PDB file of all heavy atoms in Angstrom:
ATOM      1  N   GLU A   1     126.217 158.247  -7.936  1.00  0.00           N
ATOM      2  CA  GLU A   1     125.477 157.011  -8.219  1.00  0.00           C
ATOM      3  C   GLU A   1     124.963 157.004  -9.649  1.00  0.00           C
ATOM      4  O   GLU A   1     125.042 155.980 -10.347  1.00  0.00           O
ATOM      5  CB  GLU A   1     124.312 156.864  -7.233  1.00  0.00           C
ATOM      6  CG  GLU A   1     124.718 156.442  -5.831  1.00  0.00           C
ATOM      7  CD  GLU A   1     125.200 157.595  -4.950  1.00  0.00           C
ATOM      8  OE1 GLU A   1     125.347 158.730  -5.475  1.00  0.00           O
ATOM      9  OE2 GLU A   1     125.437 157.371  -3.759  1.00  0.00           O
ATOM     10  N   ARG A   2     124.435 158.143 -10.124  1.00  0.00           N
ATOM     11  CA  ARG A   2     123.914 158.206 -11.491  1.00  0.00           C
ATOM     12  C   ARG A   2     125.031 158.073 -12.524  1.00  0.00           C
ATOM     13  O   ARG A   2     124.802 157.578 -13.634  1.00  0.00           O
ATOM     14  CB  ARG A   2     123.133 159.508 -11.700  1.00  0.00           C
ATOM     15  CG  ARG A   2     121.807 159.554 -10.965  1.00  0.00           C
ATOM     16  CD  ARG A   2     120.931 160.703 -11.452  1.00  0.00           C
ATOM     17  NE  ARG A   2     121.467 161.991 -11.074  1.00  0.00           N
ATOM     18  CZ  ARG A   2     121.239 162.602  -9.910  1.00  0.00           C
ATOM     19  NH1 ARG A   2     120.496 161.994  -8.975  1.00  0.00           N
ATOM     20  NH2 ARG A   2     121.741 163.790  -9.652  1.00  0.00           N
ATOM     21  N   LEU A   3     126.236 158.489 -12.163  1.00  0.00           N
ATOM     22  CA  LEU A   3     127.377 158.336 -13.065  1.00  0.00           C
ATOM     23  C   LEU A   3     127.887 156.904 -13.114  1.00  0.00           C
ATOM     24  O   LEU A   3     128.688 156.550 -13.976  1.00  0.00           O
ATOM     25  CB  LEU A   3     128.525 159.258 -12.625  1.00  0.00           C
ATOM     26  CG  LEU A   3     128.333 160.760 -12.845  1.00  0.00           C
ATOM     27  CD1 LEU A   3     129.465 161.537 -12.174  1.00  0.00           C
ATOM     28  CD2 LEU A   3     128.272 161.089 -14.336  1.00  0.00           C
ATOM     29  N   GLY A   4     127.433 156.076 -12.169  1.00  0.00           N
ATOM     30  CA  GLY A   4     127.955 154.717 -12.076  1.00  0.00           C
ATOM     31  C   GLY A   4     129.201 154.634 -11.220  1.00  0.00           C
ATOM     32  O   GLY A   4     129.966 153.671 -11.309  1.00  0.00           O
ATOM     33  N   LEU A   5     129.408 155.654 -10.345  1.00  0.00           N
ATOM     34  CA  LEU A   5     130.598 155.719  -9.510  1.00  0.00           C
ATOM     35  C   LEU A   5     130.240 155.880  -8.033  1.00  0.00           C
ATOM     36  O   LEU A   5     131.007 156.447  -7.250  1.00  0.00           O
ATOM     37  CB  LEU A   5     131.487 156.900  -9.961  1.00  0.00           C
ATOM     38  CG  LEU A   5     132.097 156.767 -11.352  1.00  0.00           C
ATOM     39  CD1 LEU A   5     132.660 158.103 -11.824  1.00  0.00           C
ATOM     40  CD2 LEU A   5     133.180 155.699 -11.360  1.00  0.00           C
ATOM     41  N   GLY A   6     129.056 155.370  -7.670  1.00  0.00           N
ATOM     42  CA  GLY A   6     128.626 155.458  -6.279  1.00  0.00           C
ATOM     43  C   GLY A   6     129.429 154.540  -5.372  1.00  0.00           C
ATOM     44  O   GLY A   6     130.208 153.700  -5.834  1.00  0.00           O
ATOM     45  N   PRO A   7     129.250 154.691  -4.058  1.00  0.00           N
ATOM     46  CA  PRO A   7     130.033 153.898  -3.100  1.00  0.00           C
ATOM     47  C   PRO A   7     129.922 152.393  -3.302  1.00  0.00           C
ATOM     48  O   PRO A   7     130.917 151.665  -3.207  1.00  0.00           O
ATOM     49  CB  PRO A   7     129.465 154.324  -1.753  1.00  0.00           C
ATOM     50  CG  PRO A   7     128.882 155.663  -1.977  1.00  0.00           C
ATOM     51  CD  PRO A   7     128.375 155.658  -3.377  1.00  0.00           C
ATOM     52  N   GLU A   8     128.728 151.908  -3.573  1.00  0.00           N
ATOM     53  CA  GLU A   8     128.544 150.456  -3.712  1.00  0.00           C
ATOM     54  C   GLU A   8     129.390 149.914  -4.858  1.00  0.00           C
ATOM     55  O   GLU A   8     130.086 148.894  -4.718  1.00  0.00           O
ATOM     56  CB  GLU A   8     127.063 150.144  -3.943  1.00  0.00           C
ATOM     57  CG  GLU A   8     126.766 148.661  -3.928  1.00  0.00           C
ATOM     58  CD  GLU A   8     125.271 148.376  -4.046  1.00  0.00           C
ATOM     59  OE1 GLU A   8     124.452 149.239  -3.660  1.00  0.00           O
ATOM     60  OE2 GLU A   8     124.922 147.286  -4.540  1.00  0.00           O
ATOM     61  N   THR A   9     129.346 150.624  -5.990  1.00  0.00           N
ATOM     62  CA  THR A   9     130.127 150.189  -7.158  1.00  0.00           C
ATOM     63  C   THR A   9     131.625 150.263  -6.883  1.00  0.00           C
ATOM     64  O   THR A   9     132.377 149.322  -7.182  1.00  0.00           O
ATOM     65  CB  THR A   9     129.788 151.074  -8.372  1.00  0.00           C
ATOM     66  OG1 THR A   9     128.387 150.977  -8.640  1.00  0.00           O
ATOM     67  CG2 THR A   9     130.570 150.647  -9.599  1.00  0.00           C
ATOM     68  N   CYS A  10     132.062 151.376  -6.304  1.00  0.00           N
ATOM     69  CA  CYS A  10     133.494 151.581  -6.082  1.00  0.00           C
ATOM     70  C   CYS A  10     134.046 150.630  -5.019  1.00  0.00           C
ATOM     71  O   CYS A  10     135.153 150.094  -5.164  1.00  0.00           O
ATOM     72  CB  CYS A  10     133.757 153.029  -5.681  1.00  0.00           C
ATOM     73  SG  CYS A  10     133.432 154.217  -7.012  1.00  0.00           S
ATOM     74  N   LEU A  11     133.282 150.397  -3.954  1.00  0.00           N
ATOM     75  CA  LEU A  11     133.755 149.500  -2.895  1.00  0.00           C
ATOM     76  C   LEU A  11     133.733 148.042  -3.348  1.00  0.00           C
ATOM     77  O   LEU A  11     134.508 147.226  -2.844  1.00  0.00           O
ATOM     78  CB  LEU A  11     132.919 149.695  -1.633  1.00  0.00           C
ATOM     79  CG  LEU A  11     133.263 150.955  -0.825  1.00  0.00           C
ATOM     80  CD1 LEU A  11     132.166 151.305   0.154  1.00  0.00           C
ATOM     81  CD2 LEU A  11     134.584 150.768  -0.096  1.00  0.00           C
ATOM     82  N   ARG A  12     132.853 147.724  -4.287  1.00  0.00           N
ATOM     83  CA  ARG A  12     132.870 146.374  -4.845  1.00  0.00           C
ATOM     84  C   ARG A  12     134.140 146.164  -5.650  1.00  0.00           C
ATOM     85  O   ARG A  12     134.742 145.084  -5.621  1.00  0.00           O
ATOM     86  CB  ARG A  12     131.630 146.158  -5.705  1.00  0.00           C
ATOM     87  CG  ARG A  12     131.465 144.710  -6.191  1.00  0.00           C
ATOM     88  CD  ARG A  12     130.071 144.438  -6.700  1.00  0.00           C
ATOM     89  NE  ARG A  12     129.654 145.369  -7.717  1.00  0.00           N
ATOM     90  CZ  ARG A  12     128.636 146.226  -7.591  1.00  0.00           C
ATOM     91  NH1 ARG A  12     127.936 146.259  -6.460  1.00  0.00           N
ATOM     92  NH2 ARG A  12     128.308 147.060  -8.567  1.00  0.00           N
ATOM     93  N   ARG A  13     134.575 147.216  -6.340  1.00  0.00           N
ATOM     94  CA  ARG A  13     135.809 147.147  -7.136  1.00  0.00           C
ATOM     95  C   ARG A  13     137.051 147.209  -6.242  1.00  0.00           C
ATOM     96  O   ARG A  13     138.065 146.581  -6.523  1.00  0.00           O
ATOM     97  CB  ARG A  13     135.808 148.303  -8.141  1.00  0.00           C
ATOM     98  CG  ARG A  13     136.998 148.295  -9.083  1.00  0.00           C
ATOM     99  CD  ARG A  13     136.884 147.175 -10.115  1.00  0.00           C
ATOM    100  NE  ARG A  13     138.056 147.172 -10.973  1.00  0.00           N
ATOM    101  CZ  ARG A  13     138.182 147.910 -12.070  1.00  0.00           C
ATOM    102  NH1 ARG A  13     137.181 148.708 -12.458  1.00  0.00           N
ATOM    103  NH2 ARG A  13     139.269 147.840 -12.794  1.00  0.00           N
ATOM    104  N   ASN A  14     136.967 147.980  -5.159  1.00  0.00           N
ATOM    105  CA  ASN A  14     138.112 148.181  -4.267  1.00  0.00           C
ATOM    106  C   ASN A  14     137.608 148.144  -2.825  1.00  0.00           C
ATOM    107  O   ASN A  14     137.260 149.179  -2.254  1.00  0.00           O
ATOM    108  CB  ASN A  14     138.788 149.523  -4.589  1.00  0.00           C
ATOM    109  CG  ASN A  14     140.010 149.784  -3.734  1.00  0.00           C
ATOM    110  OD1 ASN A  14     140.294 149.067  -2.785  1.00  0.00           O
ATOM    111  ND2 ASN A  14     140.740 150.850  -4.053  1.00  0.00           N
ATOM    112  N   PRO A  15     137.543 146.970  -2.206  1.00  0.00           N
ATOM    113  CA  PRO A  15     136.935 146.828  -0.866  1.00  0.00           C
ATOM    114  C   PRO A  15     137.631 147.629   0.227  1.00  0.00           C
ATOM    115  O   PRO A  15     137.024 147.896   1.265  1.00  0.00           O
ATOM    116  CB  PRO A  15     137.054 145.323  -0.591  1.00  0.00           C
ATOM    117  CG  PRO A  15     137.174 144.689  -1.940  1.00  0.00           C
ATOM    118  CD  PRO A  15     137.937 145.662  -2.762  1.00  0.00           C
ATOM    119  N   GLY A  16     138.867 148.046   0.002  1.00  0.00           N
ATOM    120  CA  GLY A  16     139.576 148.824   1.020  1.00  0.00           C
ATOM    121  C   GLY A  16     139.478 150.318   0.819  1.00  0.00           C
ATOM    122  O   GLY A  16     140.114 151.097   1.539  1.00  0.00           O
ATOM    123  N   LEU A  17     138.649 150.753  -0.126  1.00  0.00           N
ATOM    124  CA  LEU A  17     138.563 152.166  -0.492  1.00  0.00           C
ATOM    125  C   LEU A  17     137.913 153.004   0.616  1.00  0.00           C
ATOM    126  O   LEU A  17     136.896 152.605   1.192  1.00  0.00           O
ATOM    127  CB  LEU A  17     137.746 152.311  -1.776  1.00  0.00           C
ATOM    128  CG  LEU A  17     137.643 153.719  -2.369  1.00  0.00           C
ATOM    129  CD1 LEU A  17     138.959 154.123  -3.019  1.00  0.00           C
ATOM    130  CD2 LEU A  17     136.499 153.781  -3.399  1.00  0.00           C
ATOM    131  N   ILE A  18     138.490 154.177   0.889  1.00  0.00           N
ATOM    132  CA  ILE A  18     137.846 155.164   1.754  1.00  0.00           C
ATOM    133  C   ILE A  18     137.173 156.176   0.831  1.00  0.00           C
ATOM    134  O   ILE A  18     137.837 156.915   0.107  1.00  0.00           O
ATOM    135  CB  ILE A  18     138.859 155.852   2.682  1.00  0.00           C
ATOM    136  CG1 ILE A  18     139.598 154.813   3.527  1.00  0.00           C
ATOM    137  CG2 ILE A  18     138.167 156.874   3.559  1.00  0.00           C
ATOM    138  CD1 ILE A  18     138.699 153.903   4.357  1.00  0.00           C
ATOM    139  N   TYR A  19     135.857 156.185   0.869  1.00  0.00           N
ATOM    140  CA  TYR A  19     135.048 156.973  -0.061  1.00  0.00           C
ATOM    141  C   TYR A  19     134.610 158.253   0.665  1.00  0.00           C
ATOM    142  O   TYR A  19     133.661 158.258   1.427  1.00  0.00           O
ATOM    143  CB  TYR A  19     133.831 156.148  -0.488  1.00  0.00           C
ATOM    144  CG  TYR A  19     133.073 156.656  -1.691  1.00  0.00           C
ATOM    145  CD1 TYR A  19     133.089 155.969  -2.895  1.00  0.00           C
ATOM    146  CD2 TYR A  19     132.310 157.807  -1.627  1.00  0.00           C
ATOM    147  CE1 TYR A  19     132.382 156.401  -4.003  1.00  0.00           C
ATOM    148  CE2 TYR A  19     131.604 158.265  -2.718  1.00  0.00           C
ATOM    149  CZ  TYR A  19     131.643 157.558  -3.912  1.00  0.00           C
ATOM    150  OH  TYR A  19     130.948 158.005  -5.004  1.00  0.00           O
ATOM    151  N   GLY A  20     135.344 159.342   0.416  1.00  0.00           N
ATOM    152  CA  GLY A  20     135.054 160.605   1.091  1.00  0.00           C
ATOM    153  C   GLY A  20     134.111 161.468   0.292  1.00  0.00           C
ATOM    154  O   GLY A  20     134.381 161.799  -0.854  1.00  0.00           O
ATOM    155  N   ARG A  21     132.994 161.839   0.919  1.00  0.00           N
ATOM    156  CA  ARG A  21     132.039 162.711   0.231  1.00  0.00           C
ATOM    157  C   ARG A  21     131.641 163.858   1.165  1.00  0.00           C
ATOM    158  O   ARG A  21     131.403 163.657   2.351  1.00  0.00           O
ATOM    159  CB  ARG A  21     130.824 161.930  -0.275  1.00  0.00           C
ATOM    160  CG  ARG A  21     130.272 160.897   0.612  1.00  0.00           C
ATOM    161  CD  ARG A  21     129.214 159.980  -0.033  1.00  0.00           C
ATOM    162  NE  ARG A  21     128.914 160.177  -1.431  1.00  0.00           N
ATOM    163  CZ  ARG A  21     127.931 159.567  -2.085  1.00  0.00           C
ATOM    164  NH1 ARG A  21     127.140 158.698  -1.437  1.00  0.00           N
ATOM    165  NH2 ARG A  21     127.727 159.779  -3.356  1.00  0.00           N
ATOM    166  N   VAL A  22     131.585 165.057   0.595  1.00  0.00           N
ATOM    167  CA  VAL A  22     131.241 166.236   1.386  1.00  0.00           C
ATOM    168  C   VAL A  22     130.111 166.992   0.690  1.00  0.00           C
ATOM    169  O   VAL A  22     130.138 167.209  -0.516  1.00  0.00           O
ATOM    170  CB  VAL A  22     132.470 167.153   1.593  1.00  0.00           C
ATOM    171  CG1 VAL A  22     133.069 167.622   0.284  1.00  0.00           C
ATOM    172  CG2 VAL A  22     132.132 168.334   2.489  1.00  0.00           C
ATOM    173  N   THR A  23     129.100 167.325   1.470  1.00  0.00           N
ATOM    174  CA  THR A  23     127.956 168.096   0.988  1.00  0.00           C
ATOM    175  C   THR A  23     127.612 169.140   2.046  1.00  0.00           C
ATOM    176  O   THR A  23     128.170 169.145   3.147  1.00  0.00           O
ATOM    177  CB  THR A  23     126.720 167.204   0.769  1.00  0.00           C
ATOM    178  OG1 THR A  23     126.421 166.531   2.008  1.00  0.00           O
ATOM    179  CG2 THR A  23     126.945 166.177  -0.323  1.00  0.00           C
ATOM    180  N   GLY A  24     126.673 170.012   1.709  1.00  0.00           N
ATOM    181  CA  GLY A  24     126.230 171.005   2.679  1.00  0.00           C
ATOM    182  C   GLY A  24     125.242 170.441   3.667  1.00  0.00           C
ATOM    183  O   GLY A  24     125.424 170.503   4.887  1.00  0.00           O
ATOM    184  N   TRP A  25     124.173 169.821   3.144  1.00  0.00           N
ATOM    185  CA  TRP A  25     123.076 169.349   3.981  1.00  0.00           C
ATOM    186  C   TRP A  25     123.246 167.905   4.429  1.00  0.00           C
ATOM    187  O   TRP A  25     122.494 167.448   5.291  1.00  0.00           O
ATOM    188  CB  TRP A  25     121.746 169.470   3.228  1.00  0.00           C
ATOM    189  CG  TRP A  25     121.419 170.818   2.676  1.00  0.00           C
ATOM    190  CD1 TRP A  25     121.300 171.155   1.355  1.00  0.00           C
ATOM    191  CD2 TRP A  25     121.164 172.026   3.404  1.00  0.00           C
ATOM    192  NE1 TRP A  25     120.984 172.480   1.217  1.00  0.00           N
ATOM    193  CE2 TRP A  25     120.889 173.043   2.456  1.00  0.00           C
ATOM    194  CE3 TRP A  25     121.133 172.356   4.761  1.00  0.00           C
ATOM    195  CZ2 TRP A  25     120.595 174.352   2.821  1.00  0.00           C
ATOM    196  CZ3 TRP A  25     120.843 173.671   5.126  1.00  0.00           C
ATOM    197  CH2 TRP A  25     120.576 174.648   4.160  1.00  0.00           C
TER     198      TRP A  25
END
């Protein structure tokens, strides 16, 4: 999100995007 590449921004650009994110917690 701080880079300007968060889900909201990316899905607005590409509504069919599958945004996969993996974290520990």
